C-alpha atoms as a PDB file:
ATOM      1  CA  MET A   1     -31.695  47.307-124.060  1.00  0.00           C
ATOM      2  CA  PRO A   2     -31.065  46.652-120.346  1.00  0.00           C
ATOM      3  CA  GLU A   3     -27.587  46.636-118.848  1.00  0.00           C
ATOM      4  CA  VAL A   4     -26.899  43.864-116.368  1.00  0.00           C
ATOM      5  CA  GLU A   5     -23.991  43.774-113.950  1.00  0.00           C
ATOM      6  CA  ILE A   6     -22.439  40.332-113.665  1.00  0.00           C
ATOM      7  CA  THR A   7     -19.487  39.080-111.650  1.00  0.00           C
ATOM      8  CA  ILE A   8     -17.024  36.559-113.048  1.00  0.00           C
ATOM      9  CA  GLY A   9     -13.914  35.518-111.191  1.00  0.00           C
ATOM     10  CA  GLY A  10     -14.358  38.312-108.650  1.00  0.00           C
ATOM     11  CA  ARG A  11     -14.508  40.941-111.385  1.00  0.00           C
ATOM     12  CA  SER A  12     -17.632  42.922-112.304  1.00  0.00           C
ATOM     13  CA  PHE A  13     -18.799  43.531-115.866  1.00  0.00           C
ATOM     14  CA  GLU A  14     -21.661  45.544-117.372  1.00  0.00           C
ATOM     15  CA  VAL A  15     -23.326  43.573-120.166  1.00  0.00           C
ATOM     16  CA  ALA A  16     -26.251  44.537-122.390  1.00  0.00           C
ATOM     17  CA  CYS A  17     -28.970  42.054-123.330  1.00  0.00           C
ATOM     18  CA  GLN A  18     -32.411  41.931-124.918  1.00  0.00           C
ATOM     19  CA  ASP A  19     -35.476  42.750-122.810  1.00  0.00           C
ATOM     20  CA  GLY A  20     -36.564  39.666-120.889  1.00  0.00           C
ATOM     21  CA  GLU A  21     -33.203  37.903-121.357  1.00  0.00           C
ATOM     22  CA  GLU A  22     -31.693  39.112-118.071  1.00  0.00           C
ATOM     23  CA  HIS A  23     -32.386  35.795-116.308  1.00  0.00           C
ATOM     24  CA  TYR A  24     -30.587  33.795-119.024  1.00  0.00           C
ATOM     25  CA  LEU A  25     -27.623  36.177-118.957  1.00  0.00           C
ATOM     26  CA  ARG A  26     -27.310  35.856-115.182  1.00  0.00           C
ATOM     27  CA  ALA A  27     -27.533  32.044-115.417  1.00  0.00           C
ATOM     28  CA  ALA A  28     -24.820  31.945-118.101  1.00  0.00           C
ATOM     29  CA  ALA A  29     -22.649  34.335-116.097  1.00  0.00           C
ATOM     30  CA  LYS A  30     -23.059  32.137-113.019  1.00  0.00           C
ATOM     31  CA  MET A  31     -21.826  29.093-114.957  1.00  0.00           C
ATOM     32  CA  LEU A  32     -18.834  31.048-116.281  1.00  0.00           C
ATOM     33  CA  ASP A  33     -18.121  32.397-112.787  1.00  0.00           C
ATOM     34  CA  GLU A  34     -18.114  28.854-111.365  1.00  0.00           C
ATOM     35  CA  GLU A  35     -15.482  27.795-113.921  1.00  0.00           C
ATOM     36  CA  ALA A  36     -13.450  30.952-113.276  1.00  0.00           C
ATOM     37  CA  SER A  37     -13.582  30.245-109.528  1.00  0.00           C
ATOM     38  CA  VAL A  38     -12.153  26.763-110.133  1.00  0.00           C
ATOM     39  CA  LEU A  39      -9.324  28.306-112.155  1.00  0.00           C
ATOM     40  CA  THR A  40      -8.467  30.963-109.584  1.00  0.00           C
ATOM     41  CA  ALA A  41      -8.536  28.322-106.824  1.00  0.00           C
ATOM     42  CA  GLN A  42      -6.111  26.123-108.781  1.00  0.00           C
ATOM     43  CA  ILE A  43      -3.857  28.718-110.374  1.00  0.00           C
ATOM     44  CA  GLY A  44      -4.345  31.879-108.374  1.00  0.00           C
ATOM     45  CA  ARG A  45      -4.896  35.307-109.828  1.00  0.00           C
ATOM     46  CA  ILE A  46      -4.523  35.312-113.614  1.00  0.00           C
ATOM     47  CA  PRO A  47      -5.056  38.082-116.186  1.00  0.00           C
ATOM     48  CA  GLU A  48      -8.705  38.721-116.998  1.00  0.00           C
ATOM     49  CA  PRO A  49      -8.583  37.780-120.722  1.00  0.00           C
ATOM     50  CA  ARG A  50      -6.805  34.489-119.948  1.00  0.00           C
ATOM     51  CA  MET A  51      -9.225  33.663-117.119  1.00  0.00           C
ATOM     52  CA  LEU A  52     -12.248  34.309-119.347  1.00  0.00           C
ATOM     53  CA  LEU A  53     -10.717  32.320-122.203  1.00  0.00           C
ATOM     54  CA  MET A  54      -9.874  29.314-120.029  1.00  0.00           C
ATOM     55  CA  ALA A  55     -13.252  29.374-118.231  1.00  0.00           C
ATOM     56  CA  GLY A  56     -15.007  29.602-121.599  1.00  0.00           C
ATOM     57  CA  LEU A  57     -12.990  26.668-122.921  1.00  0.00           C
ATOM     58  CA  MET A  58     -13.849  24.601-119.845  1.00  0.00           C
ATOM     59  CA  LEU A  59     -17.547  25.316-120.387  1.00  0.00           C
ATOM     60  CA  ALA A  60     -17.213  24.504-124.088  1.00  0.00           C
ATOM     61  CA  ASP A  61     -15.586  21.177-123.173  1.00  0.00           C
ATOM     62  CA  LYS A  62     -18.453  20.321-120.813  1.00  0.00           C
ATOM     63  CA  THR A  63     -20.966  21.375-123.461  1.00  0.00           C
ATOM     64  CA  ALA A  64     -19.287  19.204-126.100  1.00  0.00           C
ATOM     65  CA  GLY A  65     -19.426  16.212-123.740  1.00  0.00           C
ATOM     66  CA  LEU A  66     -23.105  16.818-123.062  1.00  0.00           C
ATOM     67  CA  GLN A  67     -23.806  17.154-126.784  1.00  0.00           C
ATOM     68  CA  ASP A  68     -22.115  13.786-127.393  1.00  0.00           C
ATOM     69  CA  LYS A  69     -24.222  12.160-124.664  1.00  0.00           C
ATOM     70  CA  LEU A  70     -27.343  13.804-126.062  1.00  0.00           C
ATOM     71  CA  ARG A  71     -26.580  12.461-129.548  1.00  0.00           C
ATOM     72  CA  VAL A  72     -26.105   8.936-128.173  1.00  0.00           C
ATOM     73  CA  MET A  73     -29.367   9.156-126.241  1.00  0.00           C
ATOM     74  CA  GLU A  74     -31.217  10.543-129.276  1.00  0.00           C
ATOM     75  CA  ASP A  75     -29.911   7.621-131.362  1.00  0.00           C
ATOM     76  CA  ARG A  76     -31.019   5.127-128.705  1.00  0.00           C
ATOM     77  CA  MET A  77     -34.405   6.804-128.493  1.00  0.00           C
ATOM     78  CA  ALA A  78     -34.810   6.661-132.279  1.00  0.00           C
ATOM     79  CA  GLU A  79     -33.988   2.930-132.190  1.00  0.00           C
ATOM     80  CA  LYS A  80     -36.544   2.332-129.439  1.00  0.00           C
ATOM     81  CA  GLU A  81     -39.182   4.362-131.286  1.00  0.00           C
ATOM     82  CA  ALA A  82     -38.544   2.344-134.458  1.00  0.00           C
ATOM     83  CA  GLU A  83     -38.829  -0.878-132.455  1.00  0.00           C
ATOM     84  CA  LEU A  84     -42.042   0.352-130.859  1.00  0.00           C
ATOM     85  CA  ASP A  85     -43.491   1.306-134.260  1.00  0.00           C
ATOM     86  CA  GLN A  86     -42.550  -2.128-135.592  1.00  0.00           C
ATOM     87  CA  LEU A  87     -44.318  -3.805-132.671  1.00  0.00           C
ATOM     88  CA  ARG A  88     -47.375  -1.588-133.063  1.00  0.00           C
ATOM     89  CA  ASN A  89     -47.618  -2.308-136.792  1.00  0.00           C
ATOM     90  CA  ALA A  90     -46.977  -6.043-136.519  1.00  0.00           C
ATOM     91  CA  PRO A  91     -49.958  -8.292-137.121  1.00  0.00           C
ATOM     92  CA  PRO A  92     -51.494  -9.664-133.949  1.00  0.00           C
ATOM     93  CA  PRO A  93     -50.329 -13.147-133.033  1.00  0.00           C
ATOM     94  CA  GLU A  94     -52.526 -16.029-134.064  1.00  0.00           C
ATOM     95  CA  ALA A  95     -54.900 -17.253-131.398  1.00  0.00           C
ATOM     96  CA  GLU A  96     -53.777 -20.443-129.698  1.00  0.00           C
ATOM     97  CA  ARG A  97     -56.169 -23.232-128.936  1.00  0.00           C
ATOM     98  CA  VAL A  98     -55.895 -24.164-125.296  1.00  0.00           C
ATOM     99  CA  GLU A  99     -57.623 -27.292-124.091  1.00  0.00           C
ATOM    100  CA  VAL A 100     -58.615 -27.524-120.467  1.00  0.00           C
ATOM    101  CA  PRO A 101     -59.457 -30.973-119.160  1.00  0.00           C
ATOM    102  CA  VAL A 102     -62.989 -31.193-117.883  1.00  0.00           C
ATOM    103  CA  VAL A 103     -63.611 -32.929-114.580  1.00  0.00           C
ATOM    104  CA  PRO A 104     -66.395 -35.512-115.019  1.00  0.00           C
ATOM    105  CA  ALA A 105     -69.559 -34.560-113.157  1.00  0.00           C
ATOM    106  CA  GLY A 106     -69.610 -37.619-110.867  1.00  0.00           C
ATOM    107  CA  LEU A 107     -65.932 -37.395-109.927  1.00  0.00           C
ATOM    108  CA  SER A 108     -66.459 -34.774-107.220  1.00  0.00           C
ATOM    109  CA  ASP A 109     -69.135 -36.887-105.548  1.00  0.00           C
ATOM    110  CA  MET A 110     -66.960 -40.005-105.799  1.00  0.00           C
ATOM    111  CA  LEU A 111     -63.994 -38.195-104.205  1.00  0.00           C
ATOM    112  CA  ALA A 112     -66.215 -36.910-101.394  1.00  0.00           C
ATOM    113  CA  GLU A 113     -67.451 -40.470-100.752  1.00  0.00           C
ATOM    114  CA  ILE A 114     -63.870 -41.816-100.683  1.00  0.00           C
ATOM    115  CA  ALA A 115     -62.893 -39.068 -98.241  1.00  0.00           C
ATOM    116  CA  ALA A 116     -65.843 -39.944 -95.975  1.00  0.00           C
ATOM    117  CA  ARG A 117     -64.960 -43.667 -96.037  1.00  0.00           C
ATOM    118  CA  THR A 118     -61.324 -42.860 -95.246  1.00  0.00           C
ATOM    119  CA  GLU A 119     -62.342 -40.741 -92.268  1.00  0.00           C
ATOM    120  CA  SER A 120     -64.663 -43.531 -91.070  1.00  0.00           C
ATOM    121  CA  LEU A 121     -61.853 -46.081 -91.309  1.00  0.00           C
ATOM    122  CA  ALA A 122     -59.501 -43.753 -89.461  1.00  0.00           C
ATOM    123  CA  ASP A 123     -62.075 -43.328 -86.689  1.00  0.00           C
ATOM    124  CA  GLN A 124     -62.480 -47.126 -86.439  1.00  0.00           C
ATOM    125  CA  LEU A 125     -58.721 -47.618 -86.198  1.00  0.00           C
ATOM    126  CA  GLU A 126     -58.425 -45.018 -83.459  1.00  0.00           C
ATOM    127  CA  GLY A 127     -61.297 -46.680 -81.578  1.00  0.00           C
ATOM    128  CA  GLU A 128     -59.593 -50.086 -81.781  1.00  0.00           C
ATOM    129  CA  LYS A 129     -56.289 -48.619 -80.564  1.00  0.00           C
ATOM    130  CA  ALA A 130     -58.012 -47.001 -77.615  1.00  0.00           C
ATOM    131  CA  THR A 131     -59.760 -50.238 -76.543  1.00  0.00           C
ATOM    132  CA  GLY A 132     -57.045 -52.590 -77.515  1.00  0.00           C
END
Protein backbone atom coordinates (compact mmCIF):
# COMPACT_ATOMS: atom_id res chain seq x y z
CA MET A 1 0.00 0.00 0.00
CA PRO A 2 1.72 3.21 -1.16
CA GLU A 3 2.15 6.22 1.10
CA VAL A 4 1.46 9.57 -0.50
CA GLU A 5 2.48 12.92 0.93
CA ILE A 6 -0.21 15.56 0.54
CA THR A 7 -0.34 19.18 1.64
CA ILE A 8 -3.49 20.75 3.03
CA GLY A 9 -3.58 24.26 4.40
CA GLY A 10 0.22 24.49 4.35
CA ARG A 11 0.56 21.33 6.42
CA SER A 12 1.96 18.04 5.11
CA PHE A 13 0.38 14.64 5.75
CA GLU A 14 1.39 11.08 4.89
CA VAL A 15 -1.63 9.10 3.69
CA ALA A 16 -1.86 5.48 2.57
CA CYS A 17 -3.98 4.42 -0.41
CA GLN A 18 -4.58 1.44 -2.67
CA ASP A 19 -2.21 0.79 -5.58
CA GLY A 20 -3.24 2.90 -8.56
CA GLU A 21 -5.36 5.28 -6.44
CA GLU A 22 -2.59 7.85 -5.89
CA HIS A 23 -3.96 10.18 -8.59
CA TYR A 24 -7.44 10.23 -7.02
CA LEU A 25 -5.98 10.87 -3.57
CA ARG A 26 -3.92 13.79 -4.86
CA ALA A 27 -6.98 15.23 -6.66
CA ALA A 28 -9.10 14.96 -3.50
CA ALA A 29 -6.32 16.48 -1.41
CA LYS A 30 -6.04 19.37 -3.87
CA MET A 31 -9.76 20.11 -3.51
CA LEU A 32 -9.50 20.00 0.29
CA ASP A 33 -6.39 22.20 0.18
CA GLU A 34 -8.24 24.79 -1.93
CA GLU A 35 -11.01 24.99 0.69
CA ALA A 36 -8.46 25.15 3.51
CA SER A 37 -6.66 27.99 1.70
CA VAL A 38 -9.92 29.95 1.53
CA LEU A 39 -10.38 29.46 5.27
CA THR A 40 -6.85 30.51 6.20
CA ALA A 41 -7.16 33.57 3.94
CA GLN A 42 -10.41 34.59 5.65
CA ILE A 43 -9.72 33.59 9.24
CA GLY A 44 -5.97 33.26 9.51
CA ARG A 45 -4.16 30.39 11.14
CA ILE A 46 -6.56 27.98 12.85
CA PRO A 47 -5.95 24.65 14.61
CA GLU A 48 -5.45 21.74 12.23
CA PRO A 49 -8.50 19.67 13.30
CA ARG A 50 -10.81 22.70 12.98
CA MET A 51 -9.35 23.66 9.59
CA LEU A 52 -9.81 20.12 8.25
CA LEU A 53 -13.34 19.92 9.67
CA MET A 54 -14.42 23.26 8.20
CA ALA A 55 -12.78 22.56 4.81
CA GLY A 56 -14.45 19.15 4.74
CA LEU A 57 -17.82 20.71 5.56
CA MET A 58 -17.38 23.28 2.79
CA LEU A 59 -16.65 20.49 0.30
CA ALA A 60 -19.62 18.50 1.59
CA ASP A 61 -21.85 21.56 1.08
CA LYS A 62 -20.64 21.95 -2.51
CA THR A 63 -21.12 18.23 -3.10
CA ALA A 64 -24.67 18.34 -1.72
CA GLY A 65 -25.49 21.25 -4.05
CA LEU A 66 -24.08 19.36 -7.03
CA GLN A 67 -26.04 16.25 -6.06
CA ASP A 68 -29.25 18.31 -5.97
CA LYS A 69 -28.51 19.74 -9.42
CA LEU A 70 -27.68 16.27 -10.71
CA ARG A 71 -30.99 14.91 -9.39
CA VAL A 72 -32.92 17.72 -11.09
CA MET A 73 -31.09 17.11 -14.37
CA GLU A 74 -31.65 13.35 -14.12
CA ASP A 75 -35.38 13.97 -13.59
CA ARG A 76 -35.49 16.31 -16.60
CA MET A 77 -33.60 13.78 -18.68
CA ALA A 78 -36.00 11.01 -17.67
CA GLU A 79 -38.94 13.22 -18.70
CA LYS A 80 -37.33 13.95 -22.07
CA GLU A 81 -36.54 10.27 -22.62
CA ALA A 82 -40.16 9.35 -21.83
CA GLU A 83 -41.36 12.03 -24.24
CA LEU A 84 -38.97 10.76 -26.90
CA ASP A 85 -40.15 7.17 -26.39
CA GLN A 86 -43.75 8.34 -26.66
CA LEU A 87 -42.98 10.11 -29.94
CA ARG A 88 -41.09 7.11 -31.29
CA ASN A 89 -43.93 4.73 -30.42
CA ALA A 90 -46.73 6.97 -31.67
CA PRO A 91 -48.42 5.90 -34.88
CA PRO A 92 -47.29 7.84 -37.92
CA PRO A 93 -49.57 10.71 -38.87
CA GLU A 94 -52.12 10.06 -41.57
CA ALA A 95 -51.07 11.12 -45.04
CA GLU A 96 -52.63 14.37 -46.18
CA ARG A 97 -53.97 14.81 -49.66
CA VAL A 98 -52.47 17.90 -51.21
CA GLU A 99 -53.89 19.17 -54.46
CA VAL A 100 -51.68 21.21 -56.72
CA PRO A 101 -53.41 23.20 -59.43
CA VAL A 102 -52.29 22.19 -62.88
CA VAL A 103 -51.49 24.91 -65.39
CA PRO A 104 -53.36 24.20 -68.64
CA ALA A 105 -51.03 23.27 -71.48
CA GLY A 106 -51.95 26.21 -73.74
CA LEU A 107 -51.71 28.83 -71.00
CA SER A 108 -47.93 29.21 -71.26
CA ASP A 109 -48.15 29.81 -75.01
CA MET A 110 -51.01 32.28 -74.54
CA LEU A 111 -49.04 34.23 -71.91
CA ALA A 112 -45.99 34.33 -74.19
CA GLU A 113 -48.17 35.69 -77.02
CA ILE A 114 -49.66 38.37 -74.74
CA ALA A 115 -46.16 39.36 -73.62
CA ALA A 116 -45.02 39.66 -77.26
CA ARG A 117 -48.05 41.80 -78.18
CA THR A 118 -47.44 44.03 -75.16
CA GLU A 119 -43.82 44.55 -76.14
CA SER A 120 -44.90 45.33 -79.72
CA LEU A 121 -47.41 47.91 -78.49
CA ALA A 122 -44.79 49.46 -76.22
CA ASP A 123 -42.38 49.72 -79.16
CA GLN A 124 -45.10 51.39 -81.28
CA LEU A 125 -45.85 53.90 -78.53
CA GLU A 126 -42.19 54.78 -78.14
CA GLY A 127 -41.90 55.21 -81.92
CA GLU A 128 -44.89 57.57 -81.99
CA LYS A 129 -43.46 59.61 -79.09
CA ALA A 130 -40.14 59.94 -80.87
CA THR A 131 -41.73 61.16 -84.14
CA GLY A 132 -44.52 63.09 -82.62
